[in-house]
N, C-alpha and C. Protein backbone atom coordinates (compact mmCIF):
# COMPACT_ATOMS: atom_id res chain seq x y z
N MET A 1 17.52 30.21 -34.40
CA MET A 1 17.39 28.89 -33.91
C MET A 1 18.50 28.03 -34.43
N ALA A 2 19.12 28.28 -35.66
CA ALA A 2 20.30 27.58 -36.13
C ALA A 2 21.42 27.87 -35.31
N LYS A 3 21.61 29.07 -34.83
CA LYS A 3 22.73 29.46 -34.04
C LYS A 3 22.73 28.80 -32.73
N PHE A 4 21.51 28.64 -32.14
CA PHE A 4 21.37 27.93 -30.90
C PHE A 4 21.81 26.51 -30.99
N ILE A 5 21.34 25.82 -32.07
CA ILE A 5 21.63 24.44 -32.36
C ILE A 5 23.22 24.28 -32.57
N ARG A 6 23.78 25.18 -33.40
CA ARG A 6 25.22 25.15 -33.67
C ARG A 6 26.00 25.30 -32.27
N ASN A 7 25.56 26.27 -31.48
CA ASN A 7 26.38 26.52 -30.30
C ASN A 7 26.05 25.25 -29.28
N SER A 8 24.94 24.63 -29.32
CA SER A 8 24.68 23.54 -28.45
C SER A 8 25.58 22.44 -28.88
N LEU A 9 25.70 22.16 -30.12
CA LEU A 9 26.59 21.03 -30.67
C LEU A 9 28.04 21.33 -30.36
N ILE A 10 28.41 22.55 -30.48
CA ILE A 10 29.87 22.92 -30.06
C ILE A 10 30.01 22.63 -28.54
N GLY A 11 29.14 23.01 -27.74
CA GLY A 11 29.16 22.78 -26.29
C GLY A 11 29.29 21.29 -26.00
N VAL A 12 28.35 20.51 -26.73
CA VAL A 12 28.47 18.98 -26.39
C VAL A 12 29.84 18.49 -26.98
N GLY A 13 30.29 18.99 -28.04
CA GLY A 13 31.62 18.52 -28.51
C GLY A 13 32.80 18.88 -27.61
N LEU A 14 32.76 20.05 -27.10
CA LEU A 14 33.78 20.48 -26.09
C LEU A 14 33.68 19.70 -24.86
N SER A 15 32.43 19.44 -24.39
CA SER A 15 32.19 18.74 -23.15
C SER A 15 32.76 17.32 -23.29
N ALA A 16 32.51 16.74 -24.45
CA ALA A 16 32.95 15.27 -24.64
C ALA A 16 34.48 15.28 -24.80
N ALA A 17 35.11 16.26 -25.43
CA ALA A 17 36.50 16.36 -25.54
C ALA A 17 37.12 16.47 -24.08
N ALA A 18 36.53 17.38 -23.23
CA ALA A 18 37.11 17.56 -21.92
C ALA A 18 36.94 16.28 -21.06
N TYR A 19 35.85 15.63 -21.21
CA TYR A 19 35.58 14.32 -20.56
C TYR A 19 36.60 13.33 -20.84
N MET A 20 36.93 13.22 -22.23
CA MET A 20 37.85 12.27 -22.68
C MET A 20 39.22 12.60 -22.08
N LEU A 21 39.62 13.83 -22.14
CA LEU A 21 40.91 14.20 -21.64
C LEU A 21 41.07 14.04 -20.04
N VAL A 22 40.09 14.36 -19.41
CA VAL A 22 40.15 14.17 -17.90
C VAL A 22 40.14 12.76 -17.50
N ASN A 23 39.38 11.92 -18.14
CA ASN A 23 39.21 10.53 -17.76
C ASN A 23 39.97 9.61 -18.63
N HIS A 24 40.81 10.15 -19.44
CA HIS A 24 41.69 9.26 -20.21
C HIS A 24 40.91 8.27 -21.06
N LYS A 25 39.88 8.71 -21.70
CA LYS A 25 39.07 7.84 -22.55
C LYS A 25 39.23 8.00 -24.09
N THR A 26 39.07 6.98 -24.79
CA THR A 26 39.09 7.08 -26.21
C THR A 26 37.68 7.44 -26.72
N PRO A 27 37.50 7.89 -27.94
CA PRO A 27 36.26 8.17 -28.50
C PRO A 27 35.31 6.82 -28.44
N LYS A 28 35.86 5.71 -28.76
CA LYS A 28 35.18 4.49 -28.63
C LYS A 28 34.67 4.21 -27.26
N ALA A 29 35.55 4.33 -26.21
CA ALA A 29 35.11 4.17 -24.82
C ALA A 29 34.11 5.13 -24.45
N LEU A 30 34.23 6.40 -24.83
CA LEU A 30 33.16 7.42 -24.53
C LEU A 30 31.83 7.05 -25.19
N TYR A 31 31.99 6.58 -26.42
CA TYR A 31 30.65 6.04 -27.13
C TYR A 31 30.06 4.98 -26.30
N THR A 32 30.81 4.06 -25.83
CA THR A 32 30.37 2.87 -25.04
C THR A 32 29.81 3.29 -23.66
N ASP A 33 30.40 4.29 -23.12
CA ASP A 33 29.91 4.79 -21.82
C ASP A 33 28.55 5.51 -22.01
N ILE A 34 28.44 6.25 -23.07
CA ILE A 34 27.20 6.90 -23.36
C ILE A 34 26.02 5.95 -23.67
N LYS A 35 26.45 4.94 -24.46
CA LYS A 35 25.44 3.89 -24.87
C LYS A 35 25.02 3.11 -23.70
N ASP A 36 25.95 2.78 -22.65
CA ASP A 36 25.56 2.12 -21.54
C ASP A 36 24.71 2.93 -20.59
N TYR A 37 25.02 4.22 -20.53
CA TYR A 37 24.25 5.16 -19.72
C TYR A 37 22.75 5.30 -20.23
N VAL A 38 22.71 5.41 -21.53
CA VAL A 38 21.35 5.56 -22.16
C VAL A 38 20.57 4.30 -21.99
N GLN A 39 21.20 3.14 -22.11
CA GLN A 39 20.50 1.93 -21.94
C GLN A 39 20.12 1.73 -20.51
N ASP A 40 20.84 2.10 -19.55
CA ASP A 40 20.63 2.11 -18.04
C ASP A 40 19.30 2.96 -17.82
N VAL A 41 19.37 4.16 -18.37
CA VAL A 41 18.24 5.13 -18.26
C VAL A 41 16.86 4.49 -18.85
N LEU A 42 17.03 3.89 -20.02
CA LEU A 42 15.91 3.30 -20.64
C LEU A 42 15.37 2.07 -19.83
N ASP A 43 16.31 1.25 -19.29
CA ASP A 43 15.88 0.17 -18.48
C ASP A 43 15.12 0.69 -17.18
N ALA A 44 15.71 1.77 -16.53
CA ALA A 44 15.07 2.33 -15.34
C ALA A 44 13.67 2.83 -15.71
N ALA A 45 13.53 3.49 -16.80
CA ALA A 45 12.18 3.97 -17.25
C ALA A 45 11.22 2.85 -17.47
N ASP A 46 11.73 1.73 -18.06
CA ASP A 46 10.82 0.50 -18.25
C ASP A 46 10.51 -0.11 -16.78
N HIS A 47 11.47 -0.15 -15.86
CA HIS A 47 11.11 -0.62 -14.50
C HIS A 47 10.15 0.28 -13.87
N LEU A 48 10.28 1.54 -14.01
CA LEU A 48 9.34 2.51 -13.47
C LEU A 48 7.98 2.35 -14.00
N GLN A 49 7.82 2.11 -15.28
CA GLN A 49 6.49 1.88 -15.93
C GLN A 49 5.94 0.66 -15.37
N SER A 50 6.69 -0.37 -15.33
CA SER A 50 6.17 -1.62 -14.81
C SER A 50 5.77 -1.55 -13.34
N ALA A 51 6.48 -0.80 -12.54
CA ALA A 51 6.15 -0.63 -11.18
C ALA A 51 4.88 0.19 -11.04
N ARG A 52 4.76 1.15 -11.91
CA ARG A 52 3.53 1.98 -11.86
C ARG A 52 2.29 1.19 -12.21
N GLU A 53 2.46 0.33 -13.21
CA GLU A 53 1.29 -0.56 -13.58
C GLU A 53 1.00 -1.51 -12.53
N ASP A 54 2.04 -2.12 -11.91
CA ASP A 54 1.80 -3.00 -10.72
C ASP A 54 1.10 -2.32 -9.57
N PHE A 55 1.58 -1.10 -9.30
CA PHE A 55 0.92 -0.21 -8.18
C PHE A 55 -0.49 0.06 -8.60
N SER A 56 -0.86 0.28 -9.79
CA SER A 56 -2.20 0.59 -10.19
C SER A 56 -3.00 -0.62 -10.07
N ASP A 57 -2.60 -1.80 -10.51
CA ASP A 57 -3.28 -3.10 -10.39
C ASP A 57 -3.50 -3.35 -8.83
N ALA A 58 -2.43 -3.19 -8.09
CA ALA A 58 -2.66 -3.44 -6.63
C ALA A 58 -3.66 -2.45 -5.97
N SER A 59 -3.66 -1.25 -6.33
CA SER A 59 -4.63 -0.28 -5.86
C SER A 59 -6.01 -0.68 -6.27
N SER A 60 -6.24 -1.10 -7.40
CA SER A 60 -7.53 -1.54 -7.94
C SER A 60 -8.00 -2.73 -7.13
N ASN A 61 -7.07 -3.60 -6.88
CA ASN A 61 -7.38 -4.94 -6.13
C ASN A 61 -7.72 -4.64 -4.72
N LEU A 62 -7.05 -3.62 -4.16
CA LEU A 62 -7.28 -3.23 -2.79
C LEU A 62 -8.75 -2.57 -2.65
N GLY A 63 -9.13 -1.83 -3.65
CA GLY A 63 -10.41 -1.29 -3.67
C GLY A 63 -11.44 -2.41 -3.66
N VAL A 64 -11.27 -3.51 -4.54
CA VAL A 64 -12.20 -4.50 -4.65
C VAL A 64 -12.31 -5.32 -3.28
N GLU A 65 -11.10 -5.53 -2.73
CA GLU A 65 -11.00 -6.17 -1.42
C GLU A 65 -11.68 -5.49 -0.24
N MET A 66 -11.50 -4.16 -0.24
CA MET A 66 -12.11 -3.38 0.75
C MET A 66 -13.65 -3.33 0.66
N GLN A 67 -14.11 -3.44 -0.49
CA GLN A 67 -15.59 -3.54 -0.72
C GLN A 67 -16.07 -4.92 -0.20
N HIS A 68 -15.23 -5.88 -0.47
CA HIS A 68 -15.60 -7.24 -0.03
C HIS A 68 -15.59 -7.33 1.44
N ALA A 69 -14.54 -6.70 2.07
CA ALA A 69 -14.38 -6.76 3.44
C ALA A 69 -15.59 -6.04 4.12
N SER A 70 -16.03 -4.90 3.54
CA SER A 70 -17.19 -4.17 3.91
C SER A 70 -18.47 -5.01 4.06
N ASP A 71 -18.64 -5.84 2.95
CA ASP A 71 -19.72 -6.72 2.77
C ASP A 71 -19.64 -7.79 3.92
N VAL A 72 -18.51 -8.35 4.05
CA VAL A 72 -18.31 -9.45 5.12
C VAL A 72 -18.59 -8.89 6.55
N LEU A 73 -18.14 -7.62 6.80
CA LEU A 73 -18.36 -7.05 8.16
C LEU A 73 -19.90 -6.76 8.32
N ALA A 74 -20.60 -6.33 7.20
CA ALA A 74 -22.01 -6.18 7.39
C ALA A 74 -22.71 -7.51 7.62
N ASP A 75 -22.29 -8.55 6.99
CA ASP A 75 -22.84 -10.03 7.28
C ASP A 75 -22.61 -10.40 8.74
N ILE A 76 -21.38 -10.14 9.21
CA ILE A 76 -21.02 -10.47 10.58
C ILE A 76 -21.94 -9.82 11.56
N GLN A 77 -22.08 -8.39 11.29
CA GLN A 77 -22.87 -7.65 12.19
C GLN A 77 -24.33 -8.17 12.16
N ASN A 78 -24.88 -8.48 11.01
CA ASN A 78 -26.26 -9.02 10.93
C ASN A 78 -26.38 -10.33 11.73
N GLU A 79 -25.36 -11.11 11.66
CA GLU A 79 -25.40 -12.48 12.40
C GLU A 79 -25.40 -12.19 13.94
N VAL A 80 -24.49 -11.25 14.33
CA VAL A 80 -24.36 -10.89 15.75
C VAL A 80 -25.77 -10.39 16.30
N ASP A 81 -26.40 -9.56 15.45
CA ASP A 81 -27.73 -8.94 15.88
C ASP A 81 -28.69 -10.09 15.99
N GLN A 82 -28.67 -10.96 14.99
CA GLN A 82 -29.67 -12.11 15.13
C GLN A 82 -29.35 -12.99 16.32
N PHE A 83 -28.19 -13.30 16.61
CA PHE A 83 -27.72 -14.06 17.74
C PHE A 83 -28.18 -13.34 19.06
N GLN A 84 -27.87 -12.16 19.08
CA GLN A 84 -28.27 -11.32 20.36
C GLN A 84 -29.82 -11.38 20.55
N PHE A 85 -30.56 -11.34 19.44
CA PHE A 85 -32.13 -11.32 19.51
C PHE A 85 -32.46 -12.71 20.03
N LYS A 86 -31.75 -13.77 19.58
CA LYS A 86 -32.11 -15.12 20.03
C LYS A 86 -31.83 -15.46 21.51
N ILE A 87 -30.67 -14.88 21.96
CA ILE A 87 -30.26 -15.19 23.38
C ILE A 87 -30.88 -14.28 24.40
N GLU A 88 -31.58 -13.21 23.94
CA GLU A 88 -32.12 -12.19 24.88
C GLU A 88 -33.10 -12.79 25.93
N PRO A 89 -34.02 -13.72 25.45
CA PRO A 89 -34.99 -14.31 26.45
C PRO A 89 -34.22 -15.18 27.56
N HIS A 90 -33.10 -15.94 27.03
CA HIS A 90 -32.35 -16.75 27.87
C HIS A 90 -31.65 -15.94 28.83
N LEU A 91 -31.14 -14.90 28.40
CA LEU A 91 -30.35 -13.92 29.35
C LEU A 91 -31.29 -13.29 30.43
N ALA A 92 -32.46 -13.04 30.02
CA ALA A 92 -33.45 -12.52 30.98
C ALA A 92 -33.76 -13.51 32.08
N ILE A 93 -33.94 -14.79 31.53
CA ILE A 93 -34.17 -15.80 32.57
C ILE A 93 -33.04 -16.09 33.50
N MET A 94 -31.83 -16.02 32.95
CA MET A 94 -30.60 -16.20 33.82
C MET A 94 -30.50 -15.04 34.75
N GLN A 95 -30.83 -13.91 34.35
CA GLN A 95 -30.70 -12.66 35.26
C GLN A 95 -31.71 -12.86 36.34
N LYS A 96 -32.98 -13.31 36.05
CA LYS A 96 -33.99 -13.53 36.98
C LYS A 96 -33.54 -14.53 38.08
N HIS A 97 -33.02 -15.67 37.66
CA HIS A 97 -32.42 -16.62 38.55
C HIS A 97 -31.25 -16.09 39.34
N ALA A 98 -30.39 -15.32 38.81
CA ALA A 98 -29.37 -14.68 39.52
C ALA A 98 -29.97 -13.71 40.59
N ASP A 99 -30.91 -12.93 40.22
CA ASP A 99 -31.51 -12.06 41.23
C ASP A 99 -32.06 -12.90 42.39
N HIS A 100 -32.79 -13.91 41.96
CA HIS A 100 -33.45 -14.77 43.05
C HIS A 100 -32.41 -15.47 43.98
N LEU A 101 -31.29 -15.89 43.34
CA LEU A 101 -30.19 -16.51 44.22
C LEU A 101 -29.62 -15.46 45.10
N GLN A 102 -29.41 -14.20 44.61
CA GLN A 102 -28.76 -13.18 45.43
C GLN A 102 -29.74 -12.84 46.56
N GLN A 103 -30.98 -12.77 46.34
CA GLN A 103 -32.05 -12.35 47.34
C GLN A 103 -31.99 -13.52 48.46
N THR A 104 -31.92 -14.83 48.03
CA THR A 104 -31.88 -15.91 48.97
C THR A 104 -30.64 -15.85 49.79
N LEU A 105 -29.51 -15.52 49.15
CA LEU A 105 -28.29 -15.49 49.96
C LEU A 105 -28.33 -14.24 50.96
N ASP A 106 -28.99 -13.13 50.54
CA ASP A 106 -29.11 -11.97 51.40
C ASP A 106 -30.03 -12.34 52.56
N ASN A 107 -30.97 -13.19 52.35
CA ASN A 107 -31.86 -13.56 53.42
C ASN A 107 -31.26 -14.49 54.32
N LEU A 108 -30.28 -15.30 53.91
CA LEU A 108 -29.67 -16.32 54.70
C LEU A 108 -28.46 -15.69 55.59
N THR A 109 -27.92 -14.64 55.18
CA THR A 109 -26.79 -14.05 55.94
C THR A 109 -27.41 -13.42 57.25
N PRO A 110 -26.59 -13.65 58.33
CA PRO A 110 -27.11 -13.11 59.57
C PRO A 110 -27.04 -11.60 59.64
N LYS A 111 -28.01 -11.03 60.31
CA LYS A 111 -28.04 -9.51 60.33
C LYS A 111 -27.64 -9.11 61.61
N GLU A 112 -26.94 -8.16 61.69
CA GLU A 112 -26.23 -7.65 63.00
C GLU A 112 -27.26 -6.76 63.74
C-alpha cells in the first residue's frame, strides 16, 4: 500500500512538472490554477445539489397539483351530470315540438 501511495505521489509530481513546463507556469500559477479548478468543481457540485433539491420540490408540488386537478375535474363532471339531468325534460319537450313542426312541414309540402 505504501508503494502504491509513493508511486502515485511521484506520478502526480511528474505530471505537475510536465504541465508547468508545457504551459510555462510557475508553481504559484499552478497552485492558483488547481485551487480555481477545485473551487469551480465545488461550486458546480453545490449548484447541482441546489438544482436537485429544487427539482424534488417541484416534483412534490406537481403531485399535489395533479391531485387537486383530479378533484376539480371530478367536481366539474358532477356539475355537468347534474346540469344534464336538469335539462333532460326540457330537451324532450323541445324534441317533441321539433318533431311536430317537422310533421306539419311534411304535411304542407305538395306531394307528387
